Amino acid sequence: MLSYAWLIPVLPLIAFILIVFFGKRLPGRGSYVGIGSILFTFIYSIMILITVMGGKTLEISRDWFITGNVHVGVGLLIDPLAAVMLIVISTVALMVQIYSLGYMHGEKRFSWYYAALCLFTAAMFSLVIANNYLQLY
């Protein structure tokens, strides 16, 4: 279950890319792609919270680059606090995306708005599961 936690920030990022390049040709001008990706992350965040409350945590770290004796890594850490924050972020993001269907209806840059929402959500998810200060920054 936790081994696929990297999908949480990646899916909104993929939705961002799809909406940017194909948004005007997608159903709902890309809004359904954004809502679908956030809905998946919401459901998966609930499953992660249930798993983490069972006593499991996950930390994955890989070397990003090595310079001399300095190892700079990139990774993710999911503990109970991160799991709760994932639910908070996905809930708020899902509600914003659903509300925006009506609020932004008829706007000229509707697709770009949904793309920006997906990018922002991916950044928030990445912030919450960061396992080092460089990635947090």
C-alpha atoms as a PDB file:
ATOM      1  CA  MET A   1       0.000   0.000   0.000  1.00  0.00           C
ATOM      2  CA  LEU A   2       2.606   2.553   1.059  1.00  0.00           C
ATOM      3  CA  SER A   3       4.989   1.598  -1.726  1.00  0.00           C
ATOM      4  CA  TYR A   4       2.876   3.550  -4.226  1.00  0.00           C
ATOM      5  CA  ALA A   5       2.711   6.721  -2.137  1.00  0.00           C
ATOM      6  CA  TRP A   6       4.884   8.500  -4.699  1.00  0.00           C
ATOM      7  CA  LEU A   7       1.790   8.582  -6.929  1.00  0.00           C
ATOM      8  CA  ILE A   8       0.145  11.186  -4.697  1.00  0.00           C
ATOM      9  CA  PRO A   9       2.177  14.182  -5.929  1.00  0.00           C
ATOM     10  CA  VAL A  10       2.782  12.663  -9.369  1.00  0.00           C
ATOM     11  CA  LEU A  11      -0.871  12.295 -10.444  1.00  0.00           C
ATOM     12  CA  PRO A  12      -1.758  16.001 -10.072  1.00  0.00           C
ATOM     13  CA  LEU A  13       1.493  16.794 -11.890  1.00  0.00           C
ATOM     14  CA  ILE A  14       0.480  14.512 -14.763  1.00  0.00           C
ATOM     15  CA  ALA A  15      -2.963  16.141 -14.741  1.00  0.00           C
ATOM     16  CA  PHE A  16      -1.244  19.542 -14.979  1.00  0.00           C
ATOM     17  CA  ILE A  17       0.736  18.422 -18.041  1.00  0.00           C
ATOM     18  CA  LEU A  18      -2.326  16.898 -19.717  1.00  0.00           C
ATOM     19  CA  ILE A  19      -4.441  19.996 -19.117  1.00  0.00           C
ATOM     20  CA  VAL A  20      -1.728  22.352 -20.360  1.00  0.00           C
ATOM     21  CA  PHE A  21      -1.220  20.483 -23.622  1.00  0.00           C
ATOM     22  CA  PHE A  22      -4.676  19.041 -24.294  1.00  0.00           C
ATOM     23  CA  GLY A  23      -6.998  21.016 -21.978  1.00  0.00           C
ATOM     24  CA  LYS A  24      -9.191  22.651 -24.592  1.00  0.00           C
ATOM     25  CA  ARG A  25      -9.763  19.328 -26.360  1.00  0.00           C
ATOM     26  CA  LEU A  26     -10.519  17.325 -23.201  1.00  0.00           C
ATOM     27  CA  PRO A  27     -14.049  16.835 -21.852  1.00  0.00           C
ATOM     28  CA  GLY A  28     -14.919  19.685 -19.542  1.00  0.00           C
ATOM     29  CA  ARG A  29     -11.904  21.592 -20.893  1.00  0.00           C
ATOM     30  CA  GLY A  30      -9.631  19.604 -18.558  1.00  0.00           C
ATOM     31  CA  SER A  31     -11.604  20.029 -15.365  1.00  0.00           C
ATOM     32  CA  TYR A  32     -12.536  16.355 -15.187  1.00  0.00           C
ATOM     33  CA  VAL A  33      -8.900  15.319 -15.455  1.00  0.00           C
ATOM     34  CA  GLY A  34      -8.033  17.579 -12.528  1.00  0.00           C
ATOM     35  CA  ILE A  35     -10.970  16.464 -10.424  1.00  0.00           C
ATOM     36  CA  GLY A  36     -10.268  12.812 -11.202  1.00  0.00           C
ATOM     37  CA  SER A  37      -6.621  13.033 -10.183  1.00  0.00           C
ATOM     38  CA  ILE A  38      -7.464  14.777  -6.926  1.00  0.00           C
ATOM     39  CA  LEU A  39     -10.285  12.324  -6.208  1.00  0.00           C
ATOM     40  CA  PHE A  40      -7.831   9.438  -6.645  1.00  0.00           C
ATOM     41  CA  THR A  41      -5.339  11.094  -4.288  1.00  0.00           C
ATOM     42  CA  PHE A  42      -8.126  11.669  -1.740  1.00  0.00           C
ATOM     43  CA  ILE A  43      -9.134   7.994  -1.761  1.00  0.00           C
ATOM     44  CA  TYR A  44      -5.517   6.847  -1.670  1.00  0.00           C
ATOM     45  CA  SER A  45      -4.752   9.266   1.184  1.00  0.00           C
ATOM     46  CA  ILE A  46      -7.516   7.679   3.244  1.00  0.00           C
ATOM     47  CA  MET A  47      -6.038   4.246   2.577  1.00  0.00           C
ATOM     48  CA  ILE A  48      -2.588   5.521   3.555  1.00  0.00           C
ATOM     49  CA  LEU A  49      -3.950   6.975   6.808  1.00  0.00           C
ATOM     50  CA  ILE A  50      -5.543   3.643   7.708  1.00  0.00           C
ATOM     51  CA  THR A  51      -2.238   1.878   6.981  1.00  0.00           C
ATOM     52  CA  VAL A  52      -0.138   4.377   8.924  1.00  0.00           C
ATOM     53  CA  MET A  53      -2.462   4.291  11.934  1.00  0.00           C
ATOM     54  CA  GLY A  54      -1.795   0.547  11.974  1.00  0.00           C
ATOM     55  CA  GLY A  55       1.788   1.330  12.942  1.00  0.00           C
ATOM     56  CA  LYS A  56       3.571   1.443   9.591  1.00  0.00           C
ATOM     57  CA  THR A  57       5.655   4.320   8.264  1.00  0.00           C
ATOM     58  CA  LEU A  58       7.494   4.745   4.998  1.00  0.00           C
ATOM     59  CA  GLU A  59      10.706   6.536   4.180  1.00  0.00           C
ATOM     60  CA  ILE A  60      12.297   6.287   0.779  1.00  0.00           C
ATOM     61  CA  SER A  61      15.454   8.173  -0.089  1.00  0.00           C
ATOM     62  CA  ARG A  62      17.583   8.174  -3.218  1.00  0.00           C
ATOM     63  CA  ASP A  63      20.728  10.091  -4.092  1.00  0.00           C
ATOM     64  CA  TRP A  64      19.930  13.051  -6.285  1.00  0.00           C
ATOM     65  CA  PHE A  65      23.528  14.015  -6.865  1.00  0.00           C
ATOM     66  CA  ILE A  66      26.892  13.528  -5.164  1.00  0.00           C
ATOM     67  CA  THR A  67      29.575  16.203  -4.997  1.00  0.00           C
ATOM     68  CA  GLY A  68      32.704  15.086  -3.186  1.00  0.00           C
ATOM     69  CA  ASN A  69      31.582  14.038   0.289  1.00  0.00           C
ATOM     70  CA  VAL A  70      28.209  15.752   0.012  1.00  0.00           C
ATOM     71  CA  HIS A  71      25.271  13.495  -0.799  1.00  0.00           C
ATOM     72  CA  VAL A  72      22.089  15.336  -1.718  1.00  0.00           C
ATOM     73  CA  GLY A  73      19.067  13.090  -1.615  1.00  0.00           C
ATOM     74  CA  VAL A  74      15.472  13.198  -2.656  1.00  0.00           C
ATOM     75  CA  GLY A  75      12.748  11.100  -1.116  1.00  0.00           C
ATOM     76  CA  LEU A  76       9.535  10.896   0.799  1.00  0.00           C
ATOM     77  CA  LEU A  77       8.475  10.290   4.377  1.00  0.00           C
ATOM     78  CA  ILE A  78       5.000   9.213   5.359  1.00  0.00           C
ATOM     79  CA  ASP A  79       4.257   9.179   9.054  1.00  0.00           C
ATOM     80  CA  PRO A  80       0.966   9.817  10.903  1.00  0.00           C
ATOM     81  CA  LEU A  81       1.280  13.617  10.643  1.00  0.00           C
ATOM     82  CA  ALA A  82       1.994  13.473   6.890  1.00  0.00           C
ATOM     83  CA  ALA A  83      -0.924  11.064   6.396  1.00  0.00           C
ATOM     84  CA  VAL A  84      -3.351  13.438   8.122  1.00  0.00           C
ATOM     85  CA  MET A  85      -2.034  16.395   6.128  1.00  0.00           C
ATOM     86  CA  LEU A  86      -2.452  14.438   2.884  1.00  0.00           C
ATOM     87  CA  ILE A  87      -6.134  14.049   3.699  1.00  0.00           C
ATOM     88  CA  VAL A  88      -6.490  17.733   4.586  1.00  0.00           C
ATOM     89  CA  ILE A  89      -4.832  18.868   1.358  1.00  0.00           C
ATOM     90  CA  SER A  90      -6.706  16.436  -0.866  1.00  0.00           C
ATOM     91  CA  THR A  91     -10.045  17.333   0.745  1.00  0.00           C
ATOM     92  CA  VAL A  92      -9.555  21.075   0.319  1.00  0.00           C
ATOM     93  CA  ALA A  93      -8.172  20.665  -3.217  1.00  0.00           C
ATOM     94  CA  LEU A  94     -11.091  18.443  -4.218  1.00  0.00           C
ATOM     95  CA  MET A  95     -13.637  20.903  -2.858  1.00  0.00           C
ATOM     96  CA  VAL A  96     -11.912  23.828  -4.610  1.00  0.00           C
ATOM     97  CA  GLN A  97     -11.864  21.971  -7.915  1.00  0.00           C
ATOM     98  CA  ILE A  98     -15.520  20.980  -7.668  1.00  0.00           C
ATOM     99  CA  TYR A  99     -16.614  24.487  -6.630  1.00  0.00           C
ATOM    100  CA  SER A 100     -14.572  26.001  -9.445  1.00  0.00           C
ATOM    101  CA  LEU A 101     -16.612  24.142 -12.065  1.00  0.00           C
ATOM    102  CA  GLY A 102     -19.455  26.579 -11.545  1.00  0.00           C
ATOM    103  CA  TYR A 103     -17.483  29.578 -10.374  1.00  0.00           C
ATOM    104  CA  MET A 104     -15.113  29.656 -13.357  1.00  0.00           C
ATOM    105  CA  HIS A 105     -17.713  28.560 -15.923  1.00  0.00           C
ATOM    106  CA  GLY A 106     -17.398  30.605 -19.091  1.00  0.00           C
ATOM    107  CA  GLU A 107     -14.017  32.082 -18.248  1.00  0.00           C
ATOM    108  CA  LYS A 108     -11.540  32.490 -21.068  1.00  0.00           C
ATOM    109  CA  ARG A 109      -8.631  30.761 -19.265  1.00  0.00           C
ATOM    110  CA  PHE A 110     -10.654  27.998 -17.632  1.00  0.00           C
ATOM    111  CA  SER A 111      -8.216  25.253 -18.665  1.00  0.00           C
ATOM    112  CA  TRP A 112      -5.195  27.182 -17.424  1.00  0.00           C
ATOM    113  CA  TYR A 113      -6.913  27.725 -14.072  1.00  0.00           C
ATOM    114  CA  TYR A 114      -7.394  23.982 -13.622  1.00  0.00           C
ATOM    115  CA  ALA A 115      -3.832  23.311 -14.709  1.00  0.00           C
ATOM    116  CA  ALA A 116      -2.541  25.788 -12.124  1.00  0.00           C
ATOM    117  CA  LEU A 117      -4.714  24.193  -9.429  1.00  0.00           C
ATOM    118  CA  CYS A 118      -3.248  20.783 -10.222  1.00  0.00           C
ATOM    119  CA  LEU A 119       0.306  22.130 -10.164  1.00  0.00           C
ATOM    120  CA  PHE A 120      -0.299  23.848  -6.827  1.00  0.00           C
ATOM    121  CA  THR A 121      -1.797  20.677  -5.362  1.00  0.00           C
ATOM    122  CA  ALA A 122       1.163  18.608  -6.548  1.00  0.00           C
ATOM    123  CA  ALA A 123       3.506  21.114  -4.898  1.00  0.00           C
ATOM    124  CA  MET A 124       1.583  20.927  -1.628  1.00  0.00           C
ATOM    125  CA  PHE A 125       1.670  17.134  -1.632  1.00  0.00           C
ATOM    126  CA  SER A 126       5.418  17.217  -2.344  1.00  0.00           C
ATOM    127  CA  LEU A 127       5.919  19.631   0.528  1.00  0.00           C
ATOM    128  CA  VAL A 128       4.073  17.415   2.997  1.00  0.00           C
ATOM    129  CA  ILE A 129       5.914  14.196   2.162  1.00  0.00           C
ATOM    130  CA  ALA A 130       9.389  15.726   1.785  1.00  0.00           C
ATOM    131  CA  ASN A 131      12.012  13.924   3.845  1.00  0.00           C
ATOM    132  CA  ASN A 132      14.732  16.603   3.836  1.00  0.00           C
ATOM    133  CA  TYR A 133      15.019  20.364   4.142  1.00  0.00           C
ATOM    134  CA  LEU A 134      16.235  20.958   0.600  1.00  0.00           C
ATOM    135  CA  GLN A 135      13.184  19.250  -0.839  1.00  0.00           C
ATOM    136  CA  LEU A 136      10.986  21.064   1.676  1.00  0.00           C
ATOM    137  CA  TYR A 137      12.412  24.368   0.505  1.00  0.00           C
END
